[in-house]
C-alpha atoms as a PDB file:
ATOM      1  CA  UNK A   1     206.306  11.693 346.916  1.00  0.00           C
ATOM      2  CA  UNK A   2     202.888  10.797 345.604  1.00  0.00           C
ATOM      3  CA  UNK A   3     202.771   9.774 341.964  1.00  0.00           C
ATOM      4  CA  UNK A   4     199.829   8.860 339.765  1.00  0.00           C
ATOM      5  CA  UNK A   5     200.519   7.390 336.340  1.00  0.00           C
ATOM      6  CA  UNK A   6     197.730   6.860 333.834  1.00  0.00           C
ATOM      7  CA  UNK A   7     197.842   4.439 330.925  1.00  0.00           C
ATOM      8  CA  UNK A   8     195.501   2.828 328.421  1.00  0.00           C
ATOM      9  CA  UNK A   9     194.506   5.785 326.302  1.00  0.00           C
ATOM     10  CA  UNK A  10     194.492   5.696 322.534  1.00  0.00           C
ATOM     11  CA  UNK A  11     192.475   6.033 319.345  1.00  0.00           C
ATOM     12  CA  UNK A  12     189.221   4.097 319.060  1.00  0.00           C
ATOM     13  CA  UNK A  13     186.206   4.183 316.781  1.00  0.00           C
ATOM     14  CA  UNK A  14     182.837   5.334 318.042  1.00  0.00           C
ATOM     15  CA  UNK A  15     181.082   2.491 319.812  1.00  0.00           C
ATOM     16  CA  UNK A  16     184.354   0.944 320.916  1.00  0.00           C
ATOM     17  CA  UNK A  17     185.847   0.437 324.352  1.00  0.00           C
ATOM     18  CA  UNK A  18     188.973   1.348 326.277  1.00  0.00           C
ATOM     19  CA  UNK A  19     190.149   0.667 329.804  1.00  0.00           C
ATOM     20  CA  UNK A  20     192.242   3.283 331.533  1.00  0.00           C
ATOM     21  CA  UNK A  21     194.490   2.446 334.458  1.00  0.00           C
ATOM     22  CA  UNK A  22     196.072   4.685 337.050  1.00  0.00           C
ATOM     23  CA  UNK A  23     198.900   3.327 339.186  1.00  0.00           C
ATOM     24  CA  UNK A  24     199.510   5.142 342.460  1.00  0.00           C
ATOM     25  CA  UNK A  25     202.533   5.292 344.720  1.00  0.00           C
ATOM     26  CA  UNK A  26     203.889   7.365 347.568  1.00  0.00           C
ATOM     27  CA  UNK A  27     201.095   7.037 350.137  1.00  0.00           C
ATOM     28  CA  UNK A  28     198.672   4.405 351.356  1.00  0.00           C
ATOM     29  CA  UNK A  29     196.392   3.991 348.344  1.00  0.00           C
ATOM     30  CA  UNK A  30     193.519   2.417 350.261  1.00  0.00           C
ATOM     31  CA  UNK A  31     193.211   5.467 352.536  1.00  0.00           C
ATOM     32  CA  UNK A  32     192.094   7.761 349.733  1.00  0.00           C
ATOM     33  CA  UNK A  33     189.236   8.285 347.348  1.00  0.00           C
ATOM     34  CA  UNK A  34     190.042   8.292 343.649  1.00  0.00           C
ATOM     35  CA  UNK A  35     188.516  10.132 340.735  1.00  0.00           C
ATOM     36  CA  UNK A  36     188.720  10.487 336.980  1.00  0.00           C
ATOM     37  CA  UNK A  37     188.385  13.821 335.199  1.00  0.00           C
ATOM     38  CA  UNK A  38     188.775  14.807 331.571  1.00  0.00           C
ATOM     39  CA  UNK A  39     189.629  17.923 329.633  1.00  0.00           C
ATOM     40  CA  UNK A  40     188.899  18.536 325.979  1.00  0.00           C
ATOM     41  CA  UNK A  41     190.690  21.273 323.992  1.00  0.00           C
ATOM     42  CA  UNK A  42     189.324  24.695 324.860  1.00  0.00           C
ATOM     43  CA  UNK A  43     187.161  23.352 327.677  1.00  0.00           C
ATOM     44  CA  UNK A  44     187.429  23.222 331.432  1.00  0.00           C
ATOM     45  CA  UNK A  45     188.390  20.059 333.251  1.00  0.00           C
ATOM     46  CA  UNK A  46     185.234  18.098 334.038  1.00  0.00           C
ATOM     47  CA  UNK A  47     184.366  15.334 336.446  1.00  0.00           C
ATOM     48  CA  UNK A  48     183.879  11.836 335.044  1.00  0.00           C
ATOM     49  CA  UNK A  49     183.731   9.334 337.915  1.00  0.00           C
ATOM     50  CA  UNK A  50     184.764   8.817 341.529  1.00  0.00           C
ATOM     51  CA  UNK A  51     185.157   5.860 343.864  1.00  0.00           C
ATOM     52  CA  UNK A  52     185.436   5.729 347.639  1.00  0.00           C
ATOM     53  CA  UNK A  53     188.459   4.303 349.417  1.00  0.00           C
ATOM     54  CA  UNK A  54     186.757   0.937 349.974  1.00  0.00           C
ATOM     55  CA  UNK A  55     184.823   0.792 346.667  1.00  0.00           C
ATOM     56  CA  UNK A  56     181.491   0.981 348.498  1.00  0.00           C
ATOM     57  CA  UNK A  57     180.465   4.157 346.736  1.00  0.00           C
ATOM     58  CA  UNK A  58     180.798   5.291 343.125  1.00  0.00           C
ATOM     59  CA  UNK A  59     179.677   8.504 341.466  1.00  0.00           C
ATOM     60  CA  UNK A  60     179.352   9.281 337.757  1.00  0.00           C
ATOM     61  CA  UNK A  61     178.772  12.291 335.580  1.00  0.00           C
ATOM     62  CA  UNK A  62     175.429  12.081 333.810  1.00  0.00           C
ATOM     63  CA  UNK A  63     177.209  12.117 330.452  1.00  0.00           C
ATOM     64  CA  UNK A  64     178.955   8.787 331.148  1.00  0.00           C
ATOM     65  CA  UNK A  65     176.462   7.011 333.386  1.00  0.00           C
ATOM     66  CA  UNK A  66     175.679   3.547 332.061  1.00  0.00           C
ATOM     67  CA  UNK A  67     178.698   3.549 329.747  1.00  0.00           C
ATOM     68  CA  UNK A  68     181.710   4.003 332.059  1.00  0.00           C
ATOM     69  CA  UNK A  69     182.623   2.006 335.147  1.00  0.00           C
ATOM     70  CA  UNK A  70     185.158   3.014 337.775  1.00  0.00           C
ATOM     71  CA  UNK A  71     186.810   0.378 339.933  1.00  0.00           C
ATOM     72  CA  UNK A  72     189.895  -0.039 342.079  1.00  0.00           C
ATOM     73  CA  UNK A  73     192.222  -2.765 343.267  1.00  0.00           C
ATOM     74  CA  UNK A  74     193.768  -1.699 346.556  1.00  0.00           C
ATOM     75  CA  UNK A  75     196.166  -4.654 346.488  1.00  0.00           C
ATOM     76  CA  UNK A  76     197.596  -3.308 343.231  1.00  0.00           C
ATOM     77  CA  UNK A  77     197.329   0.399 344.117  1.00  0.00           C
ATOM     78  CA  UNK A  78     195.444   0.920 340.882  1.00  0.00           C
ATOM     79  CA  UNK A  79     192.197   2.544 339.826  1.00  0.00           C
ATOM     80  CA  UNK A  80     190.512   1.744 336.523  1.00  0.00           C
ATOM     81  CA  UNK A  81     188.030   3.368 334.194  1.00  0.00           C
ATOM     82  CA  UNK A  82     186.263   0.990 331.823  1.00  0.00           C
ATOM     83  CA  UNK A  83     184.798   3.005 328.979  1.00  0.00           C
ATOM     84  CA  UNK A  84     182.241   1.374 326.681  1.00  0.00           C
ATOM     85  CA  UNK A  85     180.072   2.707 323.857  1.00  0.00           C
ATOM     86  CA  UNK A  86     182.508   5.541 323.336  1.00  0.00           C
ATOM     87  CA  UNK A  87     181.364   8.653 321.515  1.00  0.00           C
ATOM     88  CA  UNK A  88     183.361  11.351 319.699  1.00  0.00           C
ATOM     89  CA  UNK A  89     182.410  13.770 322.483  1.00  0.00           C
ATOM     90  CA  UNK A  90     184.352  11.573 324.928  1.00  0.00           C
ATOM     91  CA  UNK A  91     187.569  12.706 323.225  1.00  0.00           C
ATOM     92  CA  UNK A  92     189.765  14.367 325.854  1.00  0.00           C
ATOM     93  CA  UNK A  93     192.810  13.996 328.038  1.00  0.00           C
ATOM     94  CA  UNK A  94     191.802  11.838 330.984  1.00  0.00           C
ATOM     95  CA  UNK A  95     193.315  12.443 334.414  1.00  0.00           C
ATOM     96  CA  UNK A  96     193.158  10.401 337.581  1.00  0.00           C
ATOM     97  CA  UNK A  97     193.270  12.105 340.945  1.00  0.00           C
ATOM     98  CA  UNK A  98     193.574  11.175 344.612  1.00  0.00           C
ATOM     99  CA  UNK A  99     191.903  12.890 347.528  1.00  0.00           C
ATOM    100  CA  UNK A 100     190.204  12.573 350.898  1.00  0.00           C
ATOM    101  CA  UNK A 101     186.643  13.407 349.852  1.00  0.00           C
ATOM    102  CA  UNK A 102     184.621  10.342 348.907  1.00  0.00           C
ATOM    103  CA  UNK A 103     182.549  11.105 345.832  1.00  0.00           C
ATOM    104  CA  UNK A 104     184.288  14.383 345.159  1.00  0.00           C
ATOM    105  CA  UNK A 105     183.189  15.938 341.859  1.00  0.00           C
ATOM    106  CA  UNK A 106     185.222  19.145 341.988  1.00  0.00           C
ATOM    107  CA  UNK A 107     188.899  19.310 341.040  1.00  0.00           C
ATOM    108  CA  UNK A 108     189.833  21.086 344.264  1.00  0.00           C
ATOM    109  CA  UNK A 109     188.626  18.099 346.275  1.00  0.00           C
ATOM    110  CA  UNK A 110     191.661  16.177 345.036  1.00  0.00           C
ATOM    111  CA  UNK A 111     195.231  16.935 346.005  1.00  0.00           C
ATOM    112  CA  UNK A 112     197.277  14.803 343.629  1.00  0.00           C
ATOM    113  CA  UNK A 113     196.926  14.373 339.876  1.00  0.00           C
ATOM    114  CA  UNK A 114     198.407  12.259 337.145  1.00  0.00           C
ATOM    115  CA  UNK A 115     199.846  13.620 333.929  1.00  0.00           C
ATOM    116  CA  UNK A 116     196.914  12.484 331.815  1.00  0.00           C
ATOM    117  CA  UNK A 117     196.333  10.076 328.956  1.00  0.00           C
ATOM    118  CA  UNK A 118     194.798  11.008 325.606  1.00  0.00           C
ATOM    119  CA  UNK A 119     191.599   9.335 324.478  1.00  0.00           C
ATOM    120  CA  UNK A 120     190.473  10.025 320.914  1.00  0.00           C
ATOM    121  CA  UNK A 121     187.195   8.660 319.572  1.00  0.00           C
ATOM    122  CA  UNK A 122     186.708   8.842 315.818  1.00  0.00           C
ATOM    123  CA  UNK A 123     183.295   9.003 314.196  1.00  0.00           C
END
């Protein structure tokens, strides 16, 4: 059974940083692309960042480009999201996802999801 478990969320002031982690198990991690999405209250889930199976390709939403960095460690079955210069509008539940489409930006391009971790940025 595939499991994705996010960690690293929390409360941070605007301008601060957080690093999210997502530990995967249940299938060969290095065979799959990984992505991060987020969902704020009352809003649809939106794409944040994606990374190919071998880290050769990364994709970012325009809203986070230059501030967030996605990376992965296939030896540790973990994907990361380094978030710098955080803004109040980054407040959301952040989800990691696993799928077969490199650079996927749509939720339906991923077949497994974590339970989410809350990120709250205060002004």
